[in-house]
Amino acid sequence: MEREYLKLTVILSALCAVSAEGCSLELHPSRVVVGFGDSVSVSCVASRPVRVLGWEAAIGSAHTQRDLTVQWGVDSLKDWIEEPICYGVFFTAPRQCEEKLNLVLYKIPDSVSISAVNHTGPMLEGKQYQLQCEVQNIAPVQYLTLRWYRGRTEVYNHTFSDLTPDTPVQVSSILLVTPTGADDGAQYSCVAQLELGPEGPQPPPEVKSEPLSITVHYAPFFYSLKDEILELTEGEGVPLNCSAQGNPPPEYSWSPPLNQEETTKQEIHCQNHLQRCIVWRNSSEGWRKRAISGVKSRRENLNLMLLSNDLETI
């Protein structure tokens, strides 16, 4: 009795294996990527005589008797839970089997926007900030890649493959930035791209945000980093260049060295935001130029060498 039971178990297992592997149904195409509201059509083909062949679906159900092909189609697909299944009832074993259609219904986002988190106005050099990219109503989110750009250069990308909902959702991504002076006026943007595989549209559909321009306040720096030494005759006017860059635009001032004795005559005339100055003075000591902004100041020395020790009133 025990031997007959074991024999029956082996036979049933073999029949199950044949049934799983010999369904005799093929879907053309086997994977379909459809835009929300677009039409779709898929054929189910049986490779052996069939009693009934049909589609089980929430929309577009169909069946046929004895024909080896049956079509499933929808003029405007908007059902997010649609899972069409082709089934067949055959004359010979395995008498019933089914194939589920790999259907991907996608929707591009309604909007993609970028903003600074908890911050308005100019940014400060060296301080960290958060930029946020928000994507409204996109599906399926597991196929989404958010790409961050500074100008035309991609600086970061964020995928959502760990999320599973098929219906439209809202998602966001954070980019950490620590701006420098070189970032003043830089434009950041993000692109929501649906990478749906070879069956999907090529190139992949994408929506880009409007660019976010950032303003960075940074300390001024001089274009010339070396001290200058000029020779001049006492009492003679000499042009001195003091040129620096910063944001806010730096203000300029000139001051004598520390412990400088009082002199009988000294004048400074400056134009063009004090960037170019004409200096008259009667001392062998130098002047110090200084650039000041709302961030901090930097200094640089300019030494004047007199060719005569005689003082002359201007």
Protein backbone atom coordinates (compact mmCIF):
# COMPACT_ATOMS: atom_id res chain seq x y z
CA MET A 1 0.00 0.00 0.00
CA GLU A 2 2.77 2.39 0.89
CA ARG A 3 4.55 1.61 -2.41
CA GLU A 4 1.37 2.41 -4.40
CA TYR A 5 0.98 5.75 -2.52
CA LEU A 6 4.54 6.77 -3.39
CA LYS A 7 3.96 5.82 -7.02
CA LEU A 8 0.80 7.96 -7.18
CA THR A 9 2.60 10.94 -5.64
CA VAL A 10 5.36 10.79 -8.28
CA ILE A 11 2.79 10.62 -11.12
CA LEU A 12 0.84 13.65 -9.79
CA SER A 13 4.06 15.66 -9.41
CA ALA A 14 5.00 14.91 -13.00
CA LEU A 15 1.57 16.02 -14.23
CA CYS A 16 1.87 19.31 -12.32
CA ALA A 17 5.27 19.99 -13.88
CA VAL A 18 3.90 19.39 -17.38
CA SER A 19 0.92 21.64 -16.67
CA ALA A 20 3.16 24.52 -15.50
CA GLU A 21 5.54 24.29 -18.44
CA GLY A 22 3.09 23.48 -21.27
CA CYS A 23 0.55 26.33 -21.17
CA SER A 24 0.69 26.78 -24.97
CA LEU A 25 -0.29 30.48 -24.77
CA GLU A 26 1.82 33.37 -26.03
CA LEU A 27 1.19 37.12 -25.73
CA HIS A 28 2.23 39.53 -28.49
CA PRO A 29 3.76 41.70 -27.19
CA SER A 30 4.49 40.10 -23.82
CA ARG A 31 5.23 43.51 -22.19
CA VAL A 32 3.31 46.67 -22.99
CA VAL A 33 4.11 50.26 -21.91
CA VAL A 34 1.13 52.60 -22.34
CA GLY A 35 0.75 56.29 -21.64
CA PHE A 36 -2.20 57.33 -19.48
CA GLY A 37 -5.23 57.73 -21.76
CA ASP A 38 -3.58 56.10 -24.80
CA SER A 39 -4.87 53.08 -26.71
CA VAL A 40 -3.49 49.55 -26.32
CA SER A 41 -3.91 46.24 -28.16
CA VAL A 42 -2.42 42.81 -27.37
CA SER A 43 -2.91 39.41 -29.03
CA CYS A 44 -3.10 36.09 -27.21
CA VAL A 45 -2.20 33.09 -29.38
CA ALA A 46 -2.71 29.39 -28.60
CA SER A 47 -0.29 26.89 -30.09
CA ARG A 48 -2.72 23.91 -29.97
CA PRO A 49 -6.47 23.35 -30.47
CA VAL A 50 -8.54 25.15 -27.87
CA ARG A 51 -12.14 24.97 -26.67
CA VAL A 52 -12.27 28.54 -25.33
CA LEU A 53 -9.69 31.31 -25.53
CA GLY A 54 -10.28 34.65 -23.87
CA TRP A 55 -9.16 37.67 -21.88
CA GLU A 56 -10.13 38.36 -18.29
CA ALA A 57 -9.86 42.10 -17.64
CA ALA A 58 -11.69 44.95 -15.90
CA ILE A 59 -12.03 46.69 -19.29
CA GLY A 60 -12.07 45.07 -22.72
CA SER A 61 -12.78 41.45 -21.75
CA ALA A 62 -13.16 39.14 -24.75
CA HIS A 63 -13.33 35.43 -25.62
CA THR A 64 -13.61 33.13 -28.61
CA GLN A 65 -14.35 29.47 -29.23
CA ARG A 66 -11.95 27.28 -31.21
CA ASP A 67 -10.10 30.28 -32.72
CA LEU A 68 -6.38 30.24 -31.90
CA THR A 69 -6.12 34.03 -31.48
CA VAL A 70 -8.01 36.52 -29.34
CA GLN A 71 -7.43 40.27 -29.05
CA TRP A 72 -7.55 42.50 -26.01
CA GLY A 73 -7.73 46.23 -26.59
CA VAL A 74 -8.76 49.54 -24.99
CA ASP A 75 -9.16 52.84 -26.83
CA SER A 76 -8.17 54.98 -23.82
CA LEU A 77 -6.56 53.18 -20.89
CA LYS A 78 -7.01 54.99 -17.56
CA ASP A 79 -7.47 52.08 -15.14
CA TRP A 80 -4.47 51.89 -12.78
CA ILE A 81 -5.41 48.44 -11.42
CA GLU A 82 -5.89 46.77 -14.80
CA GLU A 83 -4.20 43.33 -14.95
CA PRO A 84 -5.34 41.53 -18.12
CA ILE A 85 -5.02 37.74 -18.11
CA CYS A 86 -5.32 35.51 -21.17
CA TYR A 87 -6.82 32.06 -20.40
CA GLY A 88 -7.31 28.93 -22.46
CA VAL A 89 -9.44 25.79 -22.07
CA PHE A 90 -7.99 22.95 -24.17
CA PHE A 91 -9.14 19.56 -25.42
CA THR A 92 -6.07 17.80 -24.04
CA ALA A 93 -4.01 18.09 -20.90
CA PRO A 94 -3.11 20.46 -19.55
CA ARG A 95 -6.72 21.47 -20.09
CA GLN A 96 -6.53 24.95 -18.52
CA CYS A 97 -3.79 27.55 -18.29
CA GLU A 98 -3.32 31.32 -18.28
CA GLU A 99 -0.77 34.05 -19.04
CA LYS A 100 -0.75 37.43 -17.29
CA LEU A 101 0.13 40.48 -19.38
CA ASN A 102 3.04 42.58 -18.14
CA LEU A 103 1.30 45.94 -18.45
CA VAL A 104 2.91 49.27 -17.46
CA LEU A 105 0.61 52.30 -17.44
CA TYR A 106 2.61 55.49 -17.02
CA LYS A 107 1.90 59.18 -16.54
CA ILE A 108 4.33 62.07 -16.88
CA PRO A 109 4.22 64.52 -13.94
CA ASP A 110 1.85 67.48 -13.83
CA SER A 111 4.72 69.69 -12.67
CA VAL A 112 8.36 69.67 -11.54
CA SER A 113 9.57 72.53 -9.36
CA ILE A 114 12.70 73.47 -7.43
CA SER A 115 13.13 75.68 -4.36
CA ALA A 116 15.42 76.40 -1.41
CA VAL A 117 14.28 74.79 1.84
CA ASN A 118 13.55 77.26 4.69
CA HIS A 119 15.54 80.01 3.02
CA THR A 120 14.91 83.12 0.96
CA GLY A 121 17.27 85.75 -0.40
CA PRO A 122 21.04 85.54 -0.97
CA MET A 123 23.13 82.64 0.32
CA LEU A 124 26.37 83.04 2.27
CA GLU A 125 29.63 81.60 1.02
CA GLY A 126 30.64 78.41 2.89
CA LYS A 127 27.23 77.76 4.48
CA GLN A 128 25.26 74.60 3.62
CA TYR A 129 21.78 74.85 2.13
CA GLN A 130 19.11 72.43 0.93
CA LEU A 131 17.52 72.58 -2.50
CA GLN A 132 14.32 70.59 -2.99
CA CYS A 133 12.87 69.22 -6.22
CA GLU A 134 9.16 68.33 -6.08
CA VAL A 135 7.38 66.13 -8.63
CA GLN A 136 3.58 66.14 -8.75
CA ASN A 137 1.45 63.16 -9.89
CA ILE A 138 3.84 60.77 -11.59
CA ALA A 139 3.47 57.01 -12.17
CA PRO A 140 4.84 54.46 -11.81
CA VAL A 141 7.33 56.03 -9.43
CA GLN A 142 9.68 53.00 -9.42
CA TYR A 143 10.73 53.90 -12.96
CA LEU A 144 11.50 57.53 -12.04
CA THR A 145 14.99 59.05 -12.01
CA LEU A 146 15.39 62.63 -10.77
CA ARG A 147 18.46 64.30 -12.27
CA TRP A 148 19.96 67.44 -10.70
CA TYR A 149 21.85 69.91 -12.87
CA ARG A 150 24.07 72.91 -12.20
CA GLY A 151 23.89 74.67 -15.52
CA ARG A 152 24.28 71.83 -18.02
CA THR A 153 26.31 69.59 -15.71
CA GLU A 154 24.57 66.74 -13.88
CA VAL A 155 25.59 66.84 -10.22
CA TYR A 156 23.31 64.21 -8.65
CA ASN A 157 20.55 61.71 -9.47
CA HIS A 158 17.93 60.07 -7.29
CA THR A 159 16.01 56.86 -8.07
CA PHE A 160 12.85 55.49 -6.43
CA SER A 161 13.10 51.78 -7.27
CA ASP A 162 12.29 50.83 -3.66
CA LEU A 163 8.78 52.31 -3.98
CA THR A 164 5.99 50.12 -5.37
CA PRO A 165 2.76 52.07 -5.97
CA ASP A 166 1.45 51.98 -9.55
CA THR A 167 -0.88 54.95 -9.08
CA PRO A 168 0.29 58.60 -9.37
CA VAL A 169 2.18 59.95 -6.36
CA GLN A 170 4.07 63.04 -5.27
CA VAL A 171 7.79 62.65 -4.52
CA SER A 172 10.70 64.96 -3.76
CA SER A 173 14.50 64.95 -3.69
CA ILE A 174 16.99 67.02 -1.65
CA LEU A 175 20.31 68.37 -2.92
CA LEU A 176 22.82 69.73 -0.39
CA VAL A 177 24.89 72.67 -1.65
CA THR A 178 27.69 74.67 -0.01
CA PRO A 179 28.10 77.64 -2.34
CA THR A 180 31.30 79.54 -3.07
CA GLY A 181 31.84 82.79 -4.89
CA ALA A 182 31.98 80.85 -8.15
CA ASP A 183 28.34 79.80 -7.59
CA ASP A 184 27.04 83.36 -7.59
CA GLY A 185 24.46 83.49 -10.37
CA ALA A 186 24.56 79.70 -10.94
CA GLN A 187 21.34 78.05 -12.12
CA TYR A 188 20.12 74.76 -10.65
CA SER A 189 17.39 72.63 -12.18
CA CYS A 190 16.01 69.10 -11.91
CA VAL A 191 14.60 66.75 -14.53
CA ALA A 192 12.04 64.00 -13.85
CA GLN A 193 12.73 61.15 -16.28
CA LEU A 194 10.71 57.94 -16.67
CA GLU A 195 13.00 55.11 -17.78
CA LEU A 196 10.44 52.52 -18.90
CA GLY A 197 12.70 50.06 -20.66
CA PRO A 198 13.07 49.14 -24.36
CA GLU A 199 9.30 48.74 -24.79
CA GLY A 200 8.73 52.30 -23.58
CA PRO A 201 9.02 55.54 -25.57
CA GLN A 202 12.49 56.54 -26.75
CA PRO A 203 14.01 58.81 -25.66
CA PRO A 204 12.50 58.41 -22.19
CA PRO A 205 9.81 61.01 -21.42
CA GLU A 206 10.95 63.78 -19.11
CA VAL A 207 9.78 67.04 -17.56
CA LYS A 208 12.24 69.77 -16.51
CA SER A 209 11.81 72.35 -13.78
CA GLU A 210 12.30 76.06 -14.26
CA PRO A 211 15.88 76.96 -13.28
CA LEU A 212 16.61 78.33 -9.82
CA SER A 213 19.23 81.09 -9.87
CA ILE A 214 21.13 81.55 -6.62
CA THR A 215 22.81 84.69 -5.36
CA VAL A 216 25.87 84.17 -3.17
CA HIS A 217 27.37 86.79 -0.87
CA TYR A 218 31.12 86.26 -0.68
CA ALA A 219 34.15 88.15 0.61
CA PRO A 220 35.95 90.41 -1.85
CA PHE A 221 39.24 89.40 -3.38
CA PHE A 222 41.81 91.46 -5.26
CA TYR A 223 42.57 90.70 -8.88
CA SER A 224 46.27 91.37 -8.16
CA LEU A 225 47.64 89.33 -5.26
CA LYS A 226 51.09 90.95 -5.13
CA ASP A 227 52.22 94.17 -3.49
CA GLU A 228 53.09 96.94 -5.92
CA ILE A 229 56.02 99.35 -5.65
CA LEU A 230 55.87 102.59 -7.63
CA GLU A 231 58.55 105.31 -7.93
CA LEU A 232 57.44 108.92 -8.12
CA THR A 233 58.70 112.44 -7.62
CA GLU A 234 57.60 114.17 -4.45
CA GLY A 235 54.49 116.23 -5.00
CA GLU A 236 53.61 114.39 -8.21
CA GLY A 237 50.18 112.80 -8.68
CA VAL A 238 50.17 109.10 -9.43
CA PRO A 239 47.27 106.83 -10.45
CA LEU A 240 46.76 103.86 -8.12
CA ASN A 241 44.56 100.93 -9.13
CA CYS A 242 42.53 99.15 -6.49
CA SER A 243 40.35 96.50 -8.14
CA ALA A 244 38.52 93.72 -6.31
CA GLN A 245 35.53 91.47 -6.78
CA GLY A 246 32.90 90.54 -4.24
CA ASN A 247 29.18 90.36 -3.56
CA PRO A 248 27.79 92.75 -2.42
CA PRO A 249 30.05 94.95 -4.62
CA PRO A 250 32.95 96.01 -2.40
CA GLU A 251 33.60 99.57 -1.26
CA TYR A 252 37.18 100.78 -1.41
CA SER A 253 39.27 102.93 0.93
CA TRP A 254 42.90 103.92 1.26
CA SER A 255 44.74 104.36 4.55
CA PRO A 256 48.35 105.14 5.53
CA PRO A 257 50.48 102.58 7.34
CA LEU A 258 50.13 102.25 11.09
CA ASN A 259 52.03 104.84 13.20
CA GLN A 260 52.27 107.13 10.18
CA GLU A 261 53.26 110.68 11.15
CA GLU A 262 50.95 113.53 10.24
CA THR A 263 51.85 115.07 6.90
CA THR A 264 51.32 118.57 5.62
CA LYS A 265 49.34 117.64 2.52
CA GLN A 266 47.54 114.52 1.28
CA GLU A 267 44.58 114.13 -1.04
CA ILE A 268 42.71 111.25 -2.61
CA HIS A 269 40.40 111.63 -5.60
CA CYS A 270 38.55 108.49 -6.66
CA GLN A 271 36.12 107.65 -9.44
CA ASN A 272 34.16 104.65 -10.67
CA HIS A 273 33.11 103.30 -7.24
CA LEU A 274 36.59 104.13 -5.87
CA GLN A 275 38.22 101.49 -8.04
CA ARG A 276 40.71 103.91 -9.61
CA CYS A 277 42.26 106.52 -7.36
CA ILE A 278 44.64 109.46 -7.89
CA VAL A 279 46.77 109.99 -4.78
CA TRP A 280 48.92 112.95 -3.87
CA ARG A 281 51.01 112.79 -0.74
CA ASN A 282 54.35 113.92 0.55
CA SER A 283 55.58 110.97 2.51
CA SER A 284 57.99 108.18 1.71
CA GLU A 285 55.64 105.75 3.39
CA GLY A 286 53.08 103.74 1.47
CA TRP A 287 49.33 103.71 1.32
CA ARG A 288 47.23 100.69 2.12
CA LYS A 289 44.24 99.92 -0.03
CA ARG A 290 41.28 98.07 1.37
CA ALA A 291 38.16 96.48 -0.10
CA ILE A 292 35.15 96.15 2.18
CA SER A 293 31.84 94.31 1.72
CA GLY A 294 29.04 93.10 3.94
CA VAL A 295 30.83 89.75 4.36
CA LYS A 296 34.32 90.67 5.47
CA SER A 297 37.31 92.69 4.18
CA ARG A 298 40.69 91.88 2.70
CA ARG A 299 43.72 94.15 2.45
CA GLU A 300 46.69 94.63 0.22
CA ASN A 301 49.68 96.95 0.43
CA LEU A 302 50.91 99.46 -2.15
CA ASN A 303 54.26 101.15 -1.39
CA LEU A 304 55.23 104.54 -2.81
CA MET A 305 58.92 105.41 -3.13
CA LEU A 306 59.80 109.12 -3.35
CA LEU A 307 62.75 110.23 -5.51
CA SER A 308 63.27 113.47 -3.51
CA ASN A 309 63.24 114.26 0.17
CA ASP A 310 62.22 117.89 -0.38
CA LEU A 311 58.62 118.62 0.61
CA GLU A 312 56.60 120.67 -1.79
CA THR A 313 53.20 122.12 -1.16
CA ILE A 314 50.60 121.20 -3.81
